Amino acid sequence: MNMFRRRSHQVPGLNTASLPDLIFSVLFFFMIVTHMQKVAVKVKYRVPQGTELTRLTKKTAVTYIYVGRPLPALQQKAGDGTRVQLNDKFVSDSEIVDYVSAEKNRMSPEDAQQMTVSIKADKSTPMGIISDVKQALRQAKAYRISYSAEEIRK
């Protein structure tokens, strides 16, 4: 009666030889796709809402200017009025001209021609400060200006 005897079935072992390749491929993918923030934002800003919004296409030719009140931890040093931030420091209007000109010179000629300045301002920022920033950008011959906003949710 050998036919009716039960055989013990074992599950074959899982082949893990290609697992390191898979892990490194996923790691490499995330290293390529992830965008690291280069500038530590030191101002509080809530972007305004808008209806007719478009995305910036070429982000290599974009320079960001942050406008808002300093974060609570920095208010003793910087004051609690509205400030303009370029890179990691607070600047005045005259420094905006120098910074934008230097950024334009640093870029390739094609990027310098397509250079866009994106203003990320708090929605409660006085229009006078935005106007001063725009005048400084005119002096630096940066005529493409973009304002950051979020789409109105219905």
Protein backbone atom coordinates (compact mmCIF):
# COMPACT_ATOMS: atom_id res chain seq x y z
CA MET A 1 0.00 0.00 0.00
CA ASN A 2 2.69 2.39 -0.90
CA MET A 3 0.29 4.34 -3.08
CA PHE A 4 -1.73 5.72 -0.20
CA ARG A 5 1.12 6.84 1.94
CA ARG A 6 1.27 10.64 2.40
CA ARG A 7 4.25 12.47 1.11
CA SER A 8 5.51 15.55 2.91
CA HIS A 9 5.68 18.51 0.54
CA GLN A 10 8.16 21.26 1.26
CA VAL A 11 7.96 24.78 -0.09
CA PRO A 12 11.02 25.57 -2.20
CA GLY A 13 13.33 28.29 -0.89
CA LEU A 14 12.96 31.84 -2.19
CA ASN A 15 15.73 32.89 -4.53
CA THR A 16 17.08 36.22 -3.21
CA ALA A 17 20.03 36.54 -5.56
CA SER A 18 18.54 39.50 -7.46
CA LEU A 19 17.28 41.35 -4.36
CA PRO A 20 20.37 43.61 -3.98
CA ASP A 21 20.07 44.64 -7.64
CA LEU A 22 16.45 45.57 -7.11
CA ILE A 23 17.20 47.57 -3.97
CA PHE A 24 20.00 49.53 -5.64
CA SER A 25 17.81 50.23 -8.66
CA VAL A 26 15.07 51.67 -6.45
CA LEU A 27 17.63 53.68 -4.46
CA PHE A 28 19.13 55.07 -7.66
CA PHE A 29 15.66 55.99 -8.95
CA PHE A 30 14.83 57.97 -5.80
CA MET A 31 18.21 59.71 -5.86
CA ILE A 32 17.56 60.92 -9.41
CA VAL A 33 13.90 61.90 -8.96
CA THR A 34 14.03 63.58 -5.53
CA HIS A 35 14.38 67.36 -5.53
CA MET A 36 16.27 68.70 -2.54
CA GLN A 37 15.41 72.17 -1.30
CA LYS A 38 18.52 74.30 -1.53
CA VAL A 39 17.34 77.36 0.40
CA ALA A 40 16.09 77.37 3.97
CA VAL A 41 13.04 79.62 3.90
CA LYS A 42 13.24 82.09 6.79
CA VAL A 43 9.97 83.93 6.15
CA LYS A 44 6.38 82.92 6.71
CA TYR A 45 4.37 83.06 3.56
CA ARG A 46 0.91 81.85 2.65
CA VAL A 47 0.57 82.01 -1.11
CA PRO A 48 -2.51 83.74 -2.45
CA GLN A 49 -5.12 81.91 -4.50
CA GLY A 50 -5.72 82.43 -8.20
CA THR A 51 -7.74 81.11 -11.11
CA GLU A 52 -5.61 81.53 -14.27
CA LEU A 53 -2.45 79.67 -13.24
CA THR A 54 0.29 78.08 -15.36
CA ARG A 55 3.31 76.04 -14.35
CA LEU A 56 6.86 77.19 -14.93
CA THR A 57 8.41 75.04 -17.65
CA LYS A 58 12.16 75.50 -17.33
CA LYS A 59 13.04 75.53 -13.65
CA THR A 60 16.80 75.79 -14.18
CA ALA A 61 16.36 79.42 -15.23
CA VAL A 62 14.20 80.39 -12.24
CA THR A 63 15.40 82.55 -9.35
CA TYR A 64 13.22 82.69 -6.25
CA ILE A 65 12.56 85.73 -4.05
CA TYR A 66 10.67 85.15 -0.78
CA VAL A 67 8.73 88.02 0.79
CA GLY A 68 7.03 87.82 4.18
CA ARG A 69 7.42 88.22 7.90
CA PRO A 70 10.39 86.46 9.51
CA LEU A 71 9.75 83.18 11.32
CA PRO A 72 9.16 83.57 15.08
CA ALA A 73 12.63 82.21 15.91
CA LEU A 74 14.26 84.92 13.75
CA GLN A 75 12.10 87.90 14.71
CA GLN A 76 14.49 89.20 17.37
CA LYS A 77 17.34 89.43 14.86
CA ALA A 78 15.44 90.49 11.76
CA GLY A 79 12.54 92.39 13.29
CA ASP A 80 8.90 91.57 12.78
CA GLY A 81 8.19 93.69 9.69
CA THR A 82 7.93 92.28 6.19
CA ARG A 83 11.33 91.24 4.82
CA VAL A 84 12.77 90.09 1.47
CA GLN A 85 14.85 86.90 1.43
CA LEU A 86 17.32 85.83 -1.26
CA ASN A 87 19.10 82.51 -0.77
CA ASP A 88 19.58 82.27 3.00
CA LYS A 89 19.73 85.94 3.99
CA PHE A 90 17.52 88.99 4.27
CA VAL A 91 18.32 91.74 1.79
CA SER A 92 17.43 95.32 0.87
CA ASP A 93 16.27 96.57 -2.54
CA SER A 94 19.77 97.52 -3.70
CA GLU A 95 21.06 94.03 -2.94
CA ILE A 96 18.30 92.52 -5.10
CA VAL A 97 19.76 94.24 -8.16
CA ASP A 98 23.27 92.89 -7.46
CA TYR A 99 22.01 89.38 -6.72
CA VAL A 100 19.86 89.09 -9.84
CA SER A 101 22.64 90.47 -12.03
CA ALA A 102 25.09 87.97 -10.56
CA GLU A 103 22.62 85.11 -11.11
CA LYS A 104 22.15 86.20 -14.72
CA ASN A 105 25.93 86.25 -15.30
CA ARG A 106 26.29 82.80 -13.71
CA MET A 107 23.78 81.21 -16.11
CA SER A 108 24.42 80.05 -19.64
CA PRO A 109 23.43 82.60 -22.33
CA GLU A 110 20.31 80.60 -23.27
CA ASP A 111 19.17 80.36 -19.64
CA ALA A 112 19.98 84.03 -19.00
CA GLN A 113 17.71 84.99 -21.88
CA GLN A 114 14.90 82.82 -20.46
CA MET A 115 15.55 83.80 -16.81
CA THR A 116 12.38 84.10 -14.74
CA VAL A 117 12.19 85.59 -11.27
CA SER A 118 9.53 83.92 -9.14
CA ILE A 119 8.20 86.02 -6.27
CA LYS A 120 6.83 83.91 -3.44
CA ALA A 121 5.09 86.50 -1.30
CA ASP A 122 2.73 86.24 1.63
CA LYS A 123 -0.83 87.14 0.71
CA SER A 124 -0.88 89.91 3.34
CA THR A 125 2.30 91.60 2.06
CA PRO A 126 1.80 95.32 1.38
CA MET A 127 1.80 96.13 -2.33
CA GLY A 128 4.45 98.81 -1.76
CA ILE A 129 7.06 96.18 -0.92
CA ILE A 130 6.15 94.13 -4.00
CA SER A 131 6.40 97.31 -6.08
CA ASP A 132 9.87 98.04 -4.63
CA VAL A 133 11.00 94.50 -5.50
CA LYS A 134 9.66 94.91 -9.04
CA GLN A 135 11.51 98.23 -9.45
CA ALA A 136 14.74 96.55 -8.33
CA LEU A 137 14.15 93.75 -10.84
CA ARG A 138 13.64 96.35 -13.59
CA GLN A 139 17.00 97.91 -12.73
CA ALA A 140 18.59 94.46 -13.00
CA LYS A 141 16.91 93.98 -16.41
CA ALA A 142 14.94 90.96 -15.17
CA TYR A 143 11.66 91.47 -16.99
CA ARG A 144 10.13 88.00 -16.66
CA ILE A 145 8.39 87.90 -13.31
CA SER A 146 6.21 85.12 -12.00
CA TYR A 147 4.06 85.20 -8.87
CA SER A 148 3.49 82.00 -6.93
CA ALA A 149 -0.12 81.15 -6.13
CA GLU A 150 -2.26 78.11 -5.48
CA GLU A 151 -5.38 77.22 -7.41
CA ILE A 152 -8.73 78.01 -5.88
CA ARG A 153 -10.38 74.79 -4.76
CA LYS A 154 -14.05 74.47 -5.50
